[in-house]
Amino acid sequence: INCFIMLVLALFTLLIPNQKIRLK
């Protein structure tokens, strides 16, 4: 469950264009 939630959140971070900010 935790990994699924984290996976969904990570997919949303793909909308952040700057790689360094996305990684942070």
PDB file of all heavy atoms in Angstrom:
ATOM      1  N   ILE A   1       0.839  -1.207   0.000  1.00  0.00           N
ATOM      2  CA  ILE A   1       0.000   0.000   0.000  1.00  0.00           C
ATOM      3  C   ILE A   1       0.872   1.255   0.000  1.00  0.00           C
ATOM      4  O   ILE A   1       0.622   2.213  -0.741  1.00  0.00           O
ATOM      5  CB  ILE A   1      -0.949  -0.001   1.211  1.00  0.00           C
ATOM      6  CG1 ILE A   1      -1.982  -1.133   1.078  1.00  0.00           C
ATOM      7  CG2 ILE A   1      -1.652   1.352   1.349  1.00  0.00           C
ATOM      8  CD1 ILE A   1      -2.844  -1.322   2.304  1.00  0.00           C
ATOM      9  N   ASN A   2       1.903   1.240   0.841  1.00  0.00           N
ATOM     10  CA  ASN A   2       2.805   2.390   0.913  1.00  0.00           C
ATOM     11  C   ASN A   2       3.474   2.657  -0.430  1.00  0.00           C
ATOM     12  O   ASN A   2       3.525   3.800  -0.901  1.00  0.00           O
ATOM     13  CB  ASN A   2       3.875   2.131   1.981  1.00  0.00           C
ATOM     14  CG  ASN A   2       4.979   3.175   1.956  1.00  0.00           C
ATOM     15  OD1 ASN A   2       4.769   4.321   2.298  1.00  0.00           O
ATOM     16  ND2 ASN A   2       6.165   2.762   1.526  1.00  0.00           N
ATOM     17  N   CYS A   3       3.973   1.599  -1.072  1.00  0.00           N
ATOM     18  CA  CYS A   3       4.651   1.763  -2.365  1.00  0.00           C
ATOM     19  C   CYS A   3       3.686   2.235  -3.449  1.00  0.00           C
ATOM     20  O   CYS A   3       4.068   3.013  -4.330  1.00  0.00           O
ATOM     21  CB  CYS A   3       5.326   0.449  -2.777  1.00  0.00           C
ATOM     22  SG  CYS A   3       6.793   0.066  -1.813  1.00  0.00           S
ATOM     23  N   PHE A   4       2.443   1.772  -3.376  1.00  0.00           N
ATOM     24  CA  PHE A   4       1.448   2.228  -4.355  1.00  0.00           C
ATOM     25  C   PHE A   4       1.188   3.722  -4.205  1.00  0.00           C
ATOM     26  O   PHE A   4       1.145   4.465  -5.196  1.00  0.00           O
ATOM     27  CB  PHE A   4       0.148   1.445  -4.184  1.00  0.00           C
ATOM     28  CG  PHE A   4      -0.948   1.898  -5.116  1.00  0.00           C
ATOM     29  CD1 PHE A   4      -0.910   1.551  -6.457  1.00  0.00           C
ATOM     30  CD2 PHE A   4      -1.991   2.685  -4.650  1.00  0.00           C
ATOM     31  CE1 PHE A   4      -1.909   1.983  -7.330  1.00  0.00           C
ATOM     32  CE2 PHE A   4      -2.991   3.114  -5.509  1.00  0.00           C
ATOM     33  CZ  PHE A   4      -2.945   2.762  -6.856  1.00  0.00           C
ATOM     34  N   ILE A   5       1.018   4.183  -2.967  1.00  0.00           N
ATOM     35  CA  ILE A   5       0.791   5.607  -2.715  1.00  0.00           C
ATOM     36  C   ILE A   5       1.994   6.426  -3.167  1.00  0.00           C
ATOM     37  O   ILE A   5       1.855   7.472  -3.828  1.00  0.00           O
ATOM     38  CB  ILE A   5       0.496   5.854  -1.224  1.00  0.00           C
ATOM     39  CG1 ILE A   5      -0.830   5.196  -0.829  1.00  0.00           C
ATOM     40  CG2 ILE A   5       0.458   7.354  -0.914  1.00  0.00           C
ATOM     41  CD1 ILE A   5      -1.106   5.201   0.656  1.00  0.00           C
ATOM     42  N   MET A   6       3.205   5.937  -2.829  1.00  0.00           N
ATOM     43  CA  MET A   6       4.423   6.643  -3.219  1.00  0.00           C
ATOM     44  C   MET A   6       4.595   6.657  -4.732  1.00  0.00           C
ATOM     45  O   MET A   6       5.097   7.624  -5.309  1.00  0.00           O
ATOM     46  CB  MET A   6       5.637   5.978  -2.559  1.00  0.00           C
ATOM     47  CG  MET A   6       5.630   6.034  -1.038  1.00  0.00           C
ATOM     48  SD  MET A   6       5.769   7.704  -0.379  1.00  0.00           S
ATOM     49  CE  MET A   6       7.446   8.085  -0.809  1.00  0.00           C
ATOM     50  N   LEU A   7       4.162   5.596  -5.369  1.00  0.00           N
ATOM     51  CA  LEU A   7       4.235   5.502  -6.836  1.00  0.00           C
ATOM     52  C   LEU A   7       3.334   6.559  -7.481  1.00  0.00           C
ATOM     53  O   LEU A   7       3.748   7.253  -8.415  1.00  0.00           O
ATOM     54  CB  LEU A   7       3.821   4.100  -7.290  1.00  0.00           C
ATOM     55  CG  LEU A   7       3.732   3.825  -8.789  1.00  0.00           C
ATOM     56  CD1 LEU A   7       5.103   3.964  -9.435  1.00  0.00           C
ATOM     57  CD2 LEU A   7       3.176   2.425  -9.047  1.00  0.00           C
ATOM     58  N   VAL A   8       2.119   6.694  -6.962  1.00  0.00           N
ATOM     59  CA  VAL A   8       1.177   7.693  -7.488  1.00  0.00           C
ATOM     60  C   VAL A   8       1.734   9.104  -7.288  1.00  0.00           C
ATOM     61  O   VAL A   8       1.688   9.951  -8.194  1.00  0.00           O
ATOM     62  CB  VAL A   8      -0.191   7.558  -6.800  1.00  0.00           C
ATOM     63  CG1 VAL A   8      -1.112   8.708  -7.204  1.00  0.00           C
ATOM     64  CG2 VAL A   8      -0.836   6.218  -7.165  1.00  0.00           C
ATOM     65  N   LEU A   9       2.286   9.366  -6.111  1.00  0.00           N
ATOM     66  CA  LEU A   9       2.862  10.680  -5.833  1.00  0.00           C
ATOM     67  C   LEU A   9       4.050  10.971  -6.748  1.00  0.00           C
ATOM     68  O   LEU A   9       4.237  12.094  -7.219  1.00  0.00           O
ATOM     69  CB  LEU A   9       3.302  10.766  -4.365  1.00  0.00           C
ATOM     70  CG  LEU A   9       2.178  10.745  -3.325  1.00  0.00           C
ATOM     71  CD1 LEU A   9       2.747  10.683  -1.926  1.00  0.00           C
ATOM     72  CD2 LEU A   9       1.289  11.977  -3.473  1.00  0.00           C
ATOM     73  N   ALA A  10       4.858   9.936  -7.013  1.00  0.00           N
ATOM     74  CA  ALA A  10       6.017  10.111  -7.898  1.00  0.00           C
ATOM     75  C   ALA A  10       5.569  10.440  -9.312  1.00  0.00           C
ATOM     76  O   ALA A  10       6.219  11.228 -10.008  1.00  0.00           O
ATOM     77  CB  ALA A  10       6.866   8.841  -7.894  1.00  0.00           C
ATOM     78  N   LEU A  11       4.468   9.847  -9.740  1.00  0.00           N
ATOM     79  CA  LEU A  11       3.946  10.138 -11.084  1.00  0.00           C
ATOM     80  C   LEU A  11       3.525  11.604 -11.193  1.00  0.00           C
ATOM     81  O   LEU A  11       3.714  12.243 -12.228  1.00  0.00           O
ATOM     82  CB  LEU A  11       2.767   9.209 -11.402  1.00  0.00           C
ATOM     83  CG  LEU A  11       3.129   7.738 -11.638  1.00  0.00           C
ATOM     84  CD1 LEU A  11       1.871   6.896 -11.750  1.00  0.00           C
ATOM     85  CD2 LEU A  11       3.977   7.586 -12.895  1.00  0.00           C
ATOM     86  N   PHE A  12       2.973  12.151 -10.112  1.00  0.00           N
ATOM     87  CA  PHE A  12       2.589  13.564 -10.112  1.00  0.00           C
ATOM     88  C   PHE A  12       3.812  14.471 -10.203  1.00  0.00           C
ATOM     89  O   PHE A  12       3.749  15.549 -10.800  1.00  0.00           O
ATOM     90  CB  PHE A  12       1.782  13.902  -8.856  1.00  0.00           C
ATOM     91  CG  PHE A  12       0.320  13.564  -8.970  1.00  0.00           C
ATOM     92  CD1 PHE A  12      -0.234  12.528  -8.234  1.00  0.00           C
ATOM     93  CD2 PHE A  12      -0.507  14.296  -9.815  1.00  0.00           C
ATOM     94  CE1 PHE A  12      -1.587  12.208  -8.346  1.00  0.00           C
ATOM     95  CE2 PHE A  12      -1.859  13.997  -9.930  1.00  0.00           C
ATOM     96  CZ  PHE A  12      -2.398  12.946  -9.196  1.00  0.00           C
ATOM     97  N   THR A  13       4.934  14.023  -9.621  1.00  0.00           N
ATOM     98  CA  THR A  13       6.143  14.866  -9.660  1.00  0.00           C
ATOM     99  C   THR A  13       6.724  14.958 -11.070  1.00  0.00           C
ATOM    100  O   THR A  13       7.559  15.836 -11.329  1.00  0.00           O
ATOM    101  CB  THR A  13       7.234  14.319  -8.714  1.00  0.00           C
ATOM    102  OG1 THR A  13       7.657  13.019  -9.156  1.00  0.00           O
ATOM    103  CG2 THR A  13       6.737  14.241  -7.287  1.00  0.00           C
ATOM    104  N   LEU A  14       6.297  14.090 -11.971  1.00  0.00           N
ATOM    105  CA  LEU A  14       6.761  14.169 -13.361  1.00  0.00           C
ATOM    106  C   LEU A  14       6.301  15.465 -14.031  1.00  0.00           C
ATOM    107  O   LEU A  14       6.840  15.867 -15.069  1.00  0.00           O
ATOM    108  CB  LEU A  14       6.257  12.961 -14.164  1.00  0.00           C
ATOM    109  CG  LEU A  14       6.843  11.592 -13.776  1.00  0.00           C
ATOM    110  CD1 LEU A  14       6.139  10.481 -14.544  1.00  0.00           C
ATOM    111  CD2 LEU A  14       8.342  11.544 -14.055  1.00  0.00           C
ATOM    112  N   LEU A  15       5.307  16.112 -13.423  1.00  0.00           N
ATOM    113  CA  LEU A  15       4.818  17.385 -13.952  1.00  0.00           C
ATOM    114  C   LEU A  15       5.785  18.529 -13.652  1.00  0.00           C
ATOM    115  O   LEU A  15       5.655  19.617 -14.223  1.00  0.00           O
ATOM    116  CB  LEU A  15       3.441  17.699 -13.363  1.00  0.00           C
ATOM    117  CG  LEU A  15       2.323  16.688 -13.670  1.00  0.00           C
ATOM    118  CD1 LEU A  15       1.072  17.034 -12.866  1.00  0.00           C
ATOM    119  CD2 LEU A  15       2.018  16.655 -15.160  1.00  0.00           C
ATOM    120  N   ILE A  16       6.728  18.308 -12.742  1.00  0.00           N
ATOM    121  CA  ILE A  16       7.714  19.340 -12.397  1.00  0.00           C
ATOM    122  C   ILE A  16       8.824  19.324 -13.442  1.00  0.00           C
ATOM    123  O   ILE A  16       9.536  18.328 -13.591  1.00  0.00           O
ATOM    124  CB  ILE A  16       8.308  19.075 -10.992  1.00  0.00           C
ATOM    125  CG1 ILE A  16       7.195  19.040  -9.938  1.00  0.00           C
ATOM    126  CG2 ILE A  16       9.343  20.140 -10.648  1.00  0.00           C
ATOM    127  CD1 ILE A  16       7.658  18.628  -8.560  1.00  0.00           C
ATOM    128  N   PRO A  17       9.003  20.403 -14.194  1.00  0.00           N
ATOM    129  CA  PRO A  17       9.962  20.393 -15.308  1.00  0.00           C
ATOM    130  C   PRO A  17      11.425  20.373 -14.886  1.00  0.00           C
ATOM    131  O   PRO A  17      12.265  19.778 -15.552  1.00  0.00           O
ATOM    132  CB  PRO A  17       9.632  21.684 -16.076  1.00  0.00           C
ATOM    133  CG  PRO A  17       8.993  22.576 -15.065  1.00  0.00           C
ATOM    134  CD  PRO A  17       8.262  21.673 -14.121  1.00  0.00           C
ATOM    135  N   ASN A  18      11.745  21.015 -13.762  1.00  0.00           N
ATOM    136  CA  ASN A  18      13.133  21.096 -13.312  1.00  0.00           C
ATOM    137  C   ASN A  18      13.542  19.806 -12.602  1.00  0.00           C
ATOM    138  O   ASN A  18      12.932  19.419 -11.603  1.00  0.00           O
ATOM    139  CB  ASN A  18      13.308  22.301 -12.380  1.00  0.00           C
ATOM    140  CG  ASN A  18      14.755  22.521 -11.976  1.00  0.00           C
ATOM    141  OD1 ASN A  18      15.288  21.789 -11.158  1.00  0.00           O
ATOM    142  ND2 ASN A  18      15.377  23.526 -12.566  1.00  0.00           N
ATOM    143  N   GLN A  19      14.581  19.139 -13.121  1.00  0.00           N
ATOM    144  CA  GLN A  19      14.979  17.841 -12.573  1.00  0.00           C
ATOM    145  C   GLN A  19      15.413  17.930 -11.112  1.00  0.00           C
ATOM    146  O   GLN A  19      15.032  17.090 -10.292  1.00  0.00           O
ATOM    147  CB  GLN A  19      16.119  17.239 -13.398  1.00  0.00           C
ATOM    148  CG  GLN A  19      16.500  15.830 -12.931  1.00  0.00           C
ATOM    149  CD  GLN A  19      17.778  15.317 -13.576  1.00  0.00           C
ATOM    150  OE1 GLN A  19      18.757  16.059 -13.714  1.00  0.00           O
ATOM    151  NE2 GLN A  19      17.787  14.062 -13.982  1.00  0.00           N
ATOM    152  N   LYS A  20      16.212  18.945 -10.764  1.00  0.00           N
ATOM    153  CA  LYS A  20      16.716  19.058  -9.396  1.00  0.00           C
ATOM    154  C   LYS A  20      15.573  19.258  -8.405  1.00  0.00           C
ATOM    155  O   LYS A  20      15.548  18.637  -7.329  1.00  0.00           O
ATOM    156  CB  LYS A  20      17.715  20.205  -9.295  1.00  0.00           C
ATOM    157  CG  LYS A  20      18.436  20.249  -7.951  1.00  0.00           C
ATOM    158  CD  LYS A  20      19.560  21.267  -7.952  1.00  0.00           C
ATOM    159  CE  LYS A  20      20.300  21.234  -6.619  1.00  0.00           C
ATOM    160  NZ  LYS A  20      21.426  22.212  -6.598  1.00  0.00           N
ATOM    161  N   ILE A  21      14.610  20.116  -8.751  1.00  0.00           N
ATOM    162  CA  ILE A  21      13.454  20.341  -7.878  1.00  0.00           C
ATOM    163  C   ILE A  21      12.623  19.062  -7.767  1.00  0.00           C
ATOM    164  O   ILE A  21      12.155  18.690  -6.686  1.00  0.00           O
ATOM    165  CB  ILE A  21      12.586  21.502  -8.405  1.00  0.00           C
ATOM    166  CG1 ILE A  21      13.368  22.810  -8.359  1.00  0.00           C
ATOM    167  CG2 ILE A  21      11.295  21.622  -7.593  1.00  0.00           C
ATOM    168  CD1 ILE A  21      12.646  23.985  -8.969  1.00  0.00           C
ATOM    169  N   ARG A  22      12.450  18.366  -8.903  1.00  0.00           N
ATOM    170  CA  ARG A  22      11.682  17.115  -8.907  1.00  0.00           C
ATOM    171  C   ARG A  22      12.323  16.075  -7.986  1.00  0.00           C
ATOM    172  O   ARG A  22      11.634  15.399  -7.218  1.00  0.00           O
ATOM    173  CB  ARG A  22      11.596  16.578 -10.336  1.00  0.00           C
ATOM    174  CG  ARG A  22      10.735  15.326 -10.454  1.00  0.00           C
ATOM    175  CD  ARG A  22      10.390  15.010 -11.904  1.00  0.00           C
ATOM    176  NE  ARG A  22      11.561  14.686 -12.703  1.00  0.00           N
ATOM    177  CZ  ARG A  22      12.048  15.432 -13.674  1.00  0.00           C
ATOM    178  NH1 ARG A  22      11.463  16.583 -13.995  1.00  0.00           N
ATOM    179  NH2 ARG A  22      13.123  15.076 -14.361  1.00  0.00           N
ATOM    180  N   LEU A  23      13.643  15.979  -8.043  1.00  0.00           N
ATOM    181  CA  LEU A  23      14.359  15.019  -7.194  1.00  0.00           C
ATOM    182  C   LEU A  23      14.260  15.399  -5.722  1.00  0.00           C
ATOM    183  O   LEU A  23      14.130  14.529  -4.858  1.00  0.00           O
ATOM    184  CB  LEU A  23      15.826  14.931  -7.619  1.00  0.00           C
ATOM    185  CG  LEU A  23      16.105  14.308  -8.993  1.00  0.00           C
ATOM    186  CD1 LEU A  23      17.581  14.426  -9.353  1.00  0.00           C
ATOM    187  CD2 LEU A  23      15.673  12.844  -9.030  1.00  0.00           C
ATOM    188  N   LYS A  24      14.286  16.690  -5.422  1.00  0.00           N
ATOM    189  CA  LYS A  24      14.177  17.140  -4.034  1.00  0.00           C
ATOM    190  C   LYS A  24      12.790  16.849  -3.473  1.00  0.00           C
ATOM    191  O   LYS A  24      12.643  16.432  -2.315  1.00  0.00           O
ATOM    192  CB  LYS A  24      14.478  18.642  -3.945  1.00  0.00           C
ATOM    193  CG  LYS A  24      15.953  18.960  -3.985  1.00  0.00           C
ATOM    194  CD  LYS A  24      16.213  20.442  -3.709  1.00  0.00           C
ATOM    195  CE  LYS A  24      17.700  20.728  -3.650  1.00  0.00           C
ATOM    196  NZ  LYS A  24      17.989  22.153  -3.353  1.00  0.00           N
TER     197      LYS A  24
END
